Protein backbone atom coordinates (compact mmCIF):
# COMPACT_ATOMS: atom_id res chain seq x y z
CA UNK A 1 -21.63 -4.27 17.18
CA UNK A 2 -22.23 -7.60 15.44
CA UNK A 3 -22.20 -6.38 11.85
CA UNK A 4 -20.94 -3.31 10.05
CA UNK A 5 -22.02 -2.02 6.64
CA UNK A 6 -19.84 0.56 4.91
CA UNK A 7 -19.46 2.08 1.48
CA UNK A 8 -17.42 -0.41 -0.51
CA UNK A 9 -13.79 0.47 0.25
CA UNK A 10 -10.76 1.03 -1.96
CA UNK A 11 -7.16 -0.07 -1.49
CA UNK A 12 -4.81 2.81 -2.26
CA UNK A 13 -1.64 0.69 -2.27
CA UNK A 14 -1.41 -2.97 -3.24
CA UNK A 15 0.77 -5.43 -5.14
CA UNK A 16 -1.02 -7.70 -7.61
CA UNK A 17 2.09 -9.26 -9.17
CA UNK A 18 1.84 -10.81 -12.64
CA UNK A 19 1.85 -14.13 -14.44
CA UNK A 20 0.58 -17.26 -12.68
CA UNK A 21 0.11 -15.49 -9.32
CA UNK A 22 -2.05 -12.68 -10.65
CA UNK A 23 -5.43 -14.43 -10.83
CA UNK A 24 -5.49 -15.46 -7.16
CA UNK A 25 -4.10 -12.20 -5.85
CA UNK A 26 -6.44 -9.92 -7.78
CA UNK A 27 -9.43 -12.10 -6.87
CA UNK A 28 -8.73 -11.61 -3.15
CA UNK A 29 -8.44 -7.85 -3.66
CA UNK A 30 -11.51 -7.50 -5.90
CA UNK A 31 -13.67 -9.45 -3.44
CA UNK A 32 -13.22 -6.61 -0.95
CA UNK A 33 -12.30 -3.45 -2.82
CA UNK A 34 -13.88 -1.60 -5.74
CA UNK A 35 -10.61 0.01 -6.83
CA UNK A 36 -6.94 -0.32 -6.03
CA UNK A 37 -3.80 1.64 -6.73
CA UNK A 38 -1.57 -1.03 -8.29
CA UNK A 39 2.13 -0.87 -7.56
CA UNK A 40 4.44 -0.94 -10.60
CA UNK A 41 7.44 -2.85 -9.19
CA UNK A 42 7.27 -5.83 -11.49
CA UNK A 43 10.42 -7.25 -13.00
CA UNK A 44 10.97 -5.45 -15.29
CA UNK A 45 9.10 -2.52 -13.74
CA UNK A 46 6.20 -0.59 -15.26
CA UNK A 47 8.09 2.50 -16.38
CA UNK A 48 5.98 3.56 -19.38
CA UNK A 49 2.33 4.22 -20.13
CA UNK A 50 2.43 1.47 -22.74
CA UNK A 51 3.64 -1.02 -20.12
CA UNK A 52 0.95 0.17 -17.70
CA UNK A 53 -1.72 -0.34 -20.37
CA UNK A 54 -0.51 -3.89 -20.99
CA UNK A 55 -0.41 -4.70 -17.28
CA UNK A 56 -3.92 -3.29 -16.83
CA UNK A 57 -5.25 -5.54 -19.58
CA UNK A 58 -3.67 -8.60 -17.92
CA UNK A 59 -5.27 -7.66 -14.61
CA UNK A 60 -8.71 -7.27 -16.18
CA UNK A 61 -8.32 -10.57 -18.05
CA UNK A 62 -7.37 -12.35 -14.82
CA UNK A 63 -10.54 -11.07 -13.13
CA UNK A 64 -12.85 -12.75 -15.58
CA UNK A 65 -16.32 -11.65 -16.63
CA UNK A 66 -18.70 -9.81 -14.34
CA UNK A 67 -16.24 -8.76 -11.62
CA UNK A 68 -16.66 -5.11 -10.63
CA UNK A 69 -13.12 -3.91 -9.96
CA UNK A 70 -11.02 -1.09 -11.37
CA UNK A 71 -7.21 -1.25 -11.31
CA UNK A 72 -5.71 2.24 -10.97
CA UNK A 73 -2.31 2.11 -12.60
CA UNK A 74 0.95 3.75 -11.59
CA UNK A 75 4.30 4.42 -13.23
CA UNK A 76 7.62 3.39 -11.75
CA UNK A 77 9.92 6.41 -11.63
CA UNK A 78 13.49 5.86 -12.75
CA UNK A 79 16.41 8.11 -13.54
CA UNK A 80 15.28 7.97 -17.18
CA UNK A 81 11.64 9.05 -16.66
CA UNK A 82 10.95 11.89 -19.07
CA UNK A 83 8.59 14.84 -19.07
CA UNK A 84 6.89 13.33 -22.12
CA UNK A 85 6.13 10.10 -20.23
CA UNK A 86 4.53 12.08 -17.41
CA UNK A 87 2.39 13.99 -19.90
CA UNK A 88 1.36 10.70 -21.52
CA UNK A 89 0.44 9.33 -18.09
CA UNK A 90 -1.76 12.33 -17.38
CA UNK A 91 -3.46 12.01 -20.76
CA UNK A 92 -4.03 8.25 -20.45
CA UNK A 93 -6.98 8.38 -18.08
CA UNK A 94 -5.85 5.15 -16.38
CA UNK A 95 -2.49 6.12 -14.83
CA UNK A 96 -3.29 7.81 -11.53
CA UNK A 97 0.14 8.34 -9.93
CA UNK A 98 3.87 7.67 -10.16
CA UNK A 99 5.89 5.78 -7.57
CA UNK A 100 9.27 6.75 -6.15
CA UNK A 101 11.34 3.81 -4.97
CA UNK A 102 14.78 4.82 -3.73
CA UNK A 103 17.09 2.34 -5.45
CA UNK A 104 17.50 -0.71 -3.24
CA UNK A 105 14.72 0.08 -0.76
CA UNK A 106 12.49 -2.97 -1.29
CA UNK A 107 11.39 -5.69 -3.73
CA UNK A 108 12.45 -4.95 -7.33
CA UNK A 109 13.63 -1.46 -6.36
CA UNK A 110 17.03 -1.97 -7.95
CA UNK A 111 15.67 -0.11 -10.97
CA UNK A 112 14.63 2.83 -8.80
CA UNK A 113 15.80 6.40 -8.40
CA UNK A 114 19.48 6.88 -7.56
CA UNK A 115 19.15 10.56 -6.66
CA UNK A 116 16.21 12.95 -6.45
CA UNK A 117 17.93 15.36 -8.83
CA UNK A 118 17.72 12.68 -11.54
CA UNK A 119 13.90 12.99 -11.55
CA UNK A 120 13.63 16.75 -11.01
CA UNK A 121 12.19 17.32 -14.50
CA UNK A 122 9.67 14.49 -14.06
CA UNK A 123 8.56 15.83 -10.67
CA UNK A 124 8.15 19.30 -12.13
CA UNK A 125 5.92 17.86 -14.85
CA UNK A 126 3.95 15.84 -12.30
CA UNK A 127 3.32 19.04 -10.37
CA UNK A 128 2.22 20.81 -13.54
CA UNK A 129 -0.23 18.05 -14.51
CA UNK A 130 -1.33 17.19 -10.96
CA UNK A 131 -0.13 13.59 -11.07
CA UNK A 132 0.41 12.42 -7.45
CA UNK A 133 3.79 11.23 -6.24
CA UNK A 134 3.71 8.03 -4.17
CA UNK A 135 6.81 7.62 -2.02
CA UNK A 136 8.42 4.60 -0.47
CA UNK A 137 9.71 6.67 2.41
CA UNK A 138 12.92 4.99 3.50
CA UNK A 139 16.52 5.99 3.03
CA UNK A 140 18.85 3.36 1.62
CA UNK A 141 21.94 4.82 3.30
CA UNK A 142 23.70 1.71 4.70
CA UNK A 143 24.89 3.73 7.69
CA UNK A 144 21.31 4.32 8.88
CA UNK A 145 19.73 1.83 11.29
CA UNK A 146 16.87 -0.10 9.65
CA UNK A 147 14.43 1.14 12.30
CA UNK A 148 15.36 4.77 11.56
CA UNK A 149 15.12 4.68 7.77
CA UNK A 150 11.68 6.31 7.59
CA UNK A 151 12.63 9.11 9.97
CA UNK A 152 15.87 9.86 8.14
CA UNK A 153 14.18 9.81 4.74
CA UNK A 154 11.65 12.36 5.99
CA UNK A 155 14.42 14.58 7.35
CA UNK A 156 16.75 14.35 4.35
CA UNK A 157 14.42 13.95 1.38
CA UNK A 158 10.66 14.15 1.91
CA UNK A 159 10.64 17.48 3.72
CA UNK A 160 12.65 18.96 0.83
CA UNK A 161 10.28 17.49 -1.77
CA UNK A 162 7.26 19.02 -0.03
CA UNK A 163 8.93 22.43 0.08
CA UNK A 164 10.44 22.32 -3.40
CA UNK A 165 7.24 21.28 -5.22
CA UNK A 166 4.45 23.29 -3.58
CA UNK A 167 1.80 22.08 -6.03
CA UNK A 168 2.67 18.38 -5.94
CA UNK A 169 0.35 15.92 -4.20
CA UNK A 170 2.47 13.45 -2.24
CA UNK A 171 1.59 10.22 -0.42
CA UNK A 172 3.95 8.81 2.20
CA UNK A 173 3.17 5.16 1.57
CA UNK A 174 2.80 2.63 4.41
CA UNK A 175 3.70 5.17 7.11
CA UNK A 176 5.17 3.18 10.00
CA UNK A 177 6.36 5.60 12.70
CA UNK A 178 5.05 8.25 15.05
CA UNK A 179 7.53 10.59 13.34
CA UNK A 180 5.87 9.91 9.99
CA UNK A 181 2.43 10.54 11.46
CA UNK A 182 3.50 13.87 12.91
CA UNK A 183 5.14 14.90 9.64
CA UNK A 184 1.94 14.28 7.68
CA UNK A 185 -0.19 16.03 10.30
CA UNK A 186 2.00 19.13 10.07
CA UNK A 187 2.23 19.12 6.26
CA UNK A 188 -0.13 20.88 3.85
CA UNK A 189 -3.35 19.03 2.91
CA UNK A 190 -1.76 17.91 -0.38
CA UNK A 191 0.43 15.53 1.66
CA UNK A 192 -1.18 12.27 2.80
CA UNK A 193 -0.24 8.81 4.03
CA UNK A 194 -1.48 5.28 3.54
CA UNK A 195 -1.61 2.96 6.55
CA UNK A 196 -1.40 -0.84 6.38
CA UNK A 197 -3.35 -3.35 8.47
CA UNK A 198 -0.18 -5.10 9.55
CA UNK A 199 1.37 -1.90 10.91
CA UNK A 200 -1.86 -1.27 12.83
CA UNK A 201 -1.94 -4.78 14.30
CA UNK A 202 1.72 -5.72 14.84
CA UNK A 203 4.82 -4.27 16.42
CA UNK A 204 8.39 -5.49 16.06
CA UNK A 205 7.93 -8.09 18.80
CA UNK A 206 5.77 -10.00 16.31
CA UNK A 207 8.83 -10.24 14.08
CA UNK A 208 11.66 -10.70 16.56
CA UNK A 209 10.51 -11.69 20.07
CA UNK A 210 11.38 -15.28 20.97
CA UNK A 211 11.87 -16.37 17.36
CA UNK A 212 12.30 -14.88 13.93
CA UNK A 213 8.95 -14.78 12.11
CA UNK A 214 9.84 -14.36 8.42
CA UNK A 215 6.22 -13.93 7.33
CA UNK A 216 6.05 -10.77 9.47
CA UNK A 217 9.04 -9.23 7.72
CA UNK A 218 8.09 -6.20 5.63
CA UNK A 219 9.50 -2.91 4.37
CA UNK A 220 9.21 -0.61 6.17
CA UNK A 221 9.94 -2.97 9.03
CA UNK A 222 7.54 -3.23 11.96
CA UNK A 223 8.32 -0.65 14.63
CA UNK A 224 7.81 -0.07 18.37
CA UNK A 225 4.49 -0.32 20.19
CA UNK A 226 4.44 3.48 20.54
CA UNK A 227 4.58 3.79 16.76
CA UNK A 228 1.72 1.32 16.37
CA UNK A 229 -0.39 3.31 18.79
CA UNK A 230 0.35 6.54 16.88
CA UNK A 231 -0.78 4.85 13.65
CA UNK A 232 -3.99 3.60 15.27
CA UNK A 233 -4.76 7.08 16.53
CA UNK A 234 -4.11 8.63 13.10
CA UNK A 235 -6.11 6.05 11.14
CA UNK A 236 -9.11 6.18 13.48
CA UNK A 237 -9.03 9.94 13.97
CA UNK A 238 -10.60 12.68 11.91
CA UNK A 239 -7.57 13.78 9.84
CA UNK A 240 -8.42 13.11 6.15
CA UNK A 241 -4.74 12.75 5.30
CA UNK A 242 -4.63 9.13 6.51
CA UNK A 243 -6.34 6.42 4.49
CA UNK A 244 -6.26 2.71 3.67
CA UNK A 245 -3.38 1.22 1.70
CA UNK A 246 -2.82 -2.44 2.48
CA UNK A 247 0.62 -2.87 0.89
CA UNK A 248 -0.41 -6.51 0.54
CA UNK A 249 2.67 -8.11 -1.00
CA UNK A 250 2.61 -11.80 -1.96
CA UNK A 251 5.78 -13.88 -1.91
CA UNK A 252 5.99 -17.67 -2.07
CA UNK A 253 7.01 -19.47 1.11
CA UNK A 254 10.40 -20.31 -0.38
CA UNK A 255 11.17 -16.62 -0.86
CA UNK A 256 10.22 -15.77 2.73
CA UNK A 257 11.77 -18.75 4.56
CA UNK A 258 15.18 -18.17 3.03
CA UNK A 259 18.66 -16.96 3.89
CA UNK A 260 17.80 -13.62 2.28
CA UNK A 261 14.03 -13.52 2.72
CA UNK A 262 11.88 -11.05 0.80
CA UNK A 263 10.08 -8.16 2.51
CA UNK A 264 6.30 -8.25 2.25
CA UNK A 265 3.19 -9.46 4.10
CA UNK A 266 0.19 -10.88 2.27
CA UNK A 267 -3.09 -9.48 3.64
CA UNK A 268 -5.37 -9.30 0.59
CA UNK A 269 -7.17 -12.50 1.64
CA UNK A 270 -8.55 -10.70 4.74
CA UNK A 271 -7.63 -7.05 4.29
CA UNK A 272 -10.77 -5.16 5.31
CA UNK A 273 -11.48 -7.75 8.01
CA UNK A 274 -8.05 -7.10 9.57
CA UNK A 275 -8.62 -3.36 9.47
CA UNK A 276 -11.92 -3.92 11.29
CA UNK A 277 -10.02 -5.76 14.02
CA UNK A 278 -7.65 -2.83 14.42
CA UNK A 279 -10.45 -0.27 14.58
CA UNK A 280 -12.39 -2.43 17.04
CA UNK A 281 -9.31 -2.52 19.28
CA UNK A 282 -9.59 1.25 19.81
CA UNK A 283 -13.40 1.39 19.82
CA UNK A 284 -13.55 3.22 16.49
CA UNK A 285 -15.52 0.98 14.13
CA UNK A 286 -17.71 3.97 13.34
CA UNK A 287 -14.62 5.62 11.76
CA UNK A 288 -13.68 2.72 9.49
CA UNK A 289 -15.83 3.92 6.59
CA UNK A 290 -14.12 7.32 6.51
CA UNK A 291 -10.69 5.69 6.55
CA UNK A 292 -11.44 2.89 4.08
CA UNK A 293 -14.05 4.35 1.74
CA UNK A 294 -14.00 8.15 1.76
CA UNK A 295 -10.62 9.75 2.40
CA UNK A 296 -8.59 8.12 -0.36
CA UNK A 297 -11.25 8.81 -2.97
CA UNK A 298 -11.31 12.47 -1.93
CA UNK A 299 -7.51 12.75 -2.12
CA UNK A 300 -7.40 11.23 -5.61
CA UNK A 301 -10.41 13.24 -6.80
CA UNK A 302 -12.52 10.18 -7.54
CA UNK A 303 -16.21 9.60 -6.73
CA UNK A 304 -17.30 7.47 -3.81
CA UNK A 305 -18.32 3.94 -4.66
CA UNK A 306 -22.07 3.45 -4.89
CA UNK A 307 -22.28 -0.09 -3.49
CA UNK A 308 -21.64 -1.33 0.04
CA UNK A 309 -19.87 -4.10 1.93
CA UNK A 310 -21.00 -5.77 5.15
CA UNK A 311 -18.74 -7.32 7.77
CA UNK A 312 -19.93 -9.71 10.46
CA UNK A 313 -18.28 -10.15 13.84
CA UNK A 314 -17.46 -13.84 13.59
CA UNK A 315 -14.24 -15.82 13.75
CA UNK A 316 -12.93 -17.71 10.75
CA UNK A 317 -9.66 -19.53 10.33
CA UNK A 318 -7.17 -18.48 7.68
CA UNK A 319 -5.79 -21.44 5.72
CA UNK A 320 -2.17 -22.42 6.43
CA UNK A 321 -1.20 -21.61 2.84
CA UNK A 322 -2.63 -20.17 -0.37
CA UNK A 323 -1.87 -21.39 -3.88
CA UNK A 324 0.19 -18.70 -5.57
CA UNK A 325 0.25 -19.94 -9.13
CA UNK A 326 1.56 -23.36 -8.16
CA UNK A 327 3.66 -22.19 -5.21
CA UNK A 328 2.60 -21.96 -1.57
CA UNK A 329 2.13 -18.54 0.00
CA UNK A 330 1.76 -18.11 3.77
CA UNK A 331 -0.76 -15.31 4.45
CA UNK A 332 -1.01 -13.19 7.57
CA UNK A 333 -2.78 -15.14 10.34
CA UNK A 334 -2.10 -18.48 8.65
CA UNK A 335 -3.89 -21.24 10.61
CA UNK A 336 -5.20 -18.65 13.07
CA UNK A 337 -8.46 -16.75 13.50
CA UNK A 338 -9.63 -13.41 12.14
CA UNK A 339 -12.43 -11.84 14.16
CA UNK A 340 -14.46 -10.36 11.29
CA UNK A 341 -15.62 -11.85 8.01
CA UNK A 342 -17.39 -10.74 4.87
CA UNK A 343 -21.12 -11.26 5.15
CA UNK A 344 -22.23 -14.41 3.38
CA UNK A 345 -18.74 -15.85 3.21
């Protein structure tokens, strides 16, 4: 196959940041995706509908005129999230979910939830108004090995959430393990998972073998090759519970190549192209449209996009760095080739 045309895809988990970085980041996303679920972990985080409305306006302003892209906003759950805020989110028409960050799990998660009981009322209201819960599925227990944090979170917390709130739609974001895949497969249809391109393409050797590669450091951390194969099988299979969520997360070079480097991999510059590489690896390019364009829309109850996107099988070289509002960002595949490109690029 030398070219592939699919319904224009959506990204059901991305980080657009704010301020000087926003214009470049959202441009990369909008070039490929019609819609994106926008993560709320700014500093300070997007904890209210009013803050989400303001952030949405800044995103739209950064896009400029004539760009067809819809940011789908989310709220950042905290111990103080009220029932009234959840009702306001439901009524807004532009807030499509709320995000659970266990406090300390990832970038700007220090404002997150200290204990599930602290948000019990908010979760009950989310269930009542059918507002999906998006979960960063890692425990922050310091006694748990970093490679086991997803598994332990599922055992201790996520399984209880699924049972306790039988009407709540839940997304296990950036699933990274075979254990996570099996949990979602066995769960009711209201439980889904997003899958990143980097977890489909890389295992932990890409981070640790021979040298430390800080630009491959992400949360959840890259796992074993067996986990990567389980993710590939799930993404390219016929289970509608698995769909595209890039978790593209821009950080300047100085924040990655540091004594305490930030977690996050930037893939928005080549997101759908990288997914095409992963699907080609397992001979499943004919399944990419379902994964990228259909399943997430169905889960969120949104219509399919009416336009299309064409990819060509052709190598192009990713630049060594991208301007992130005056600071250099090192994207995935910096100075190396990607095997698919947007038609006409």
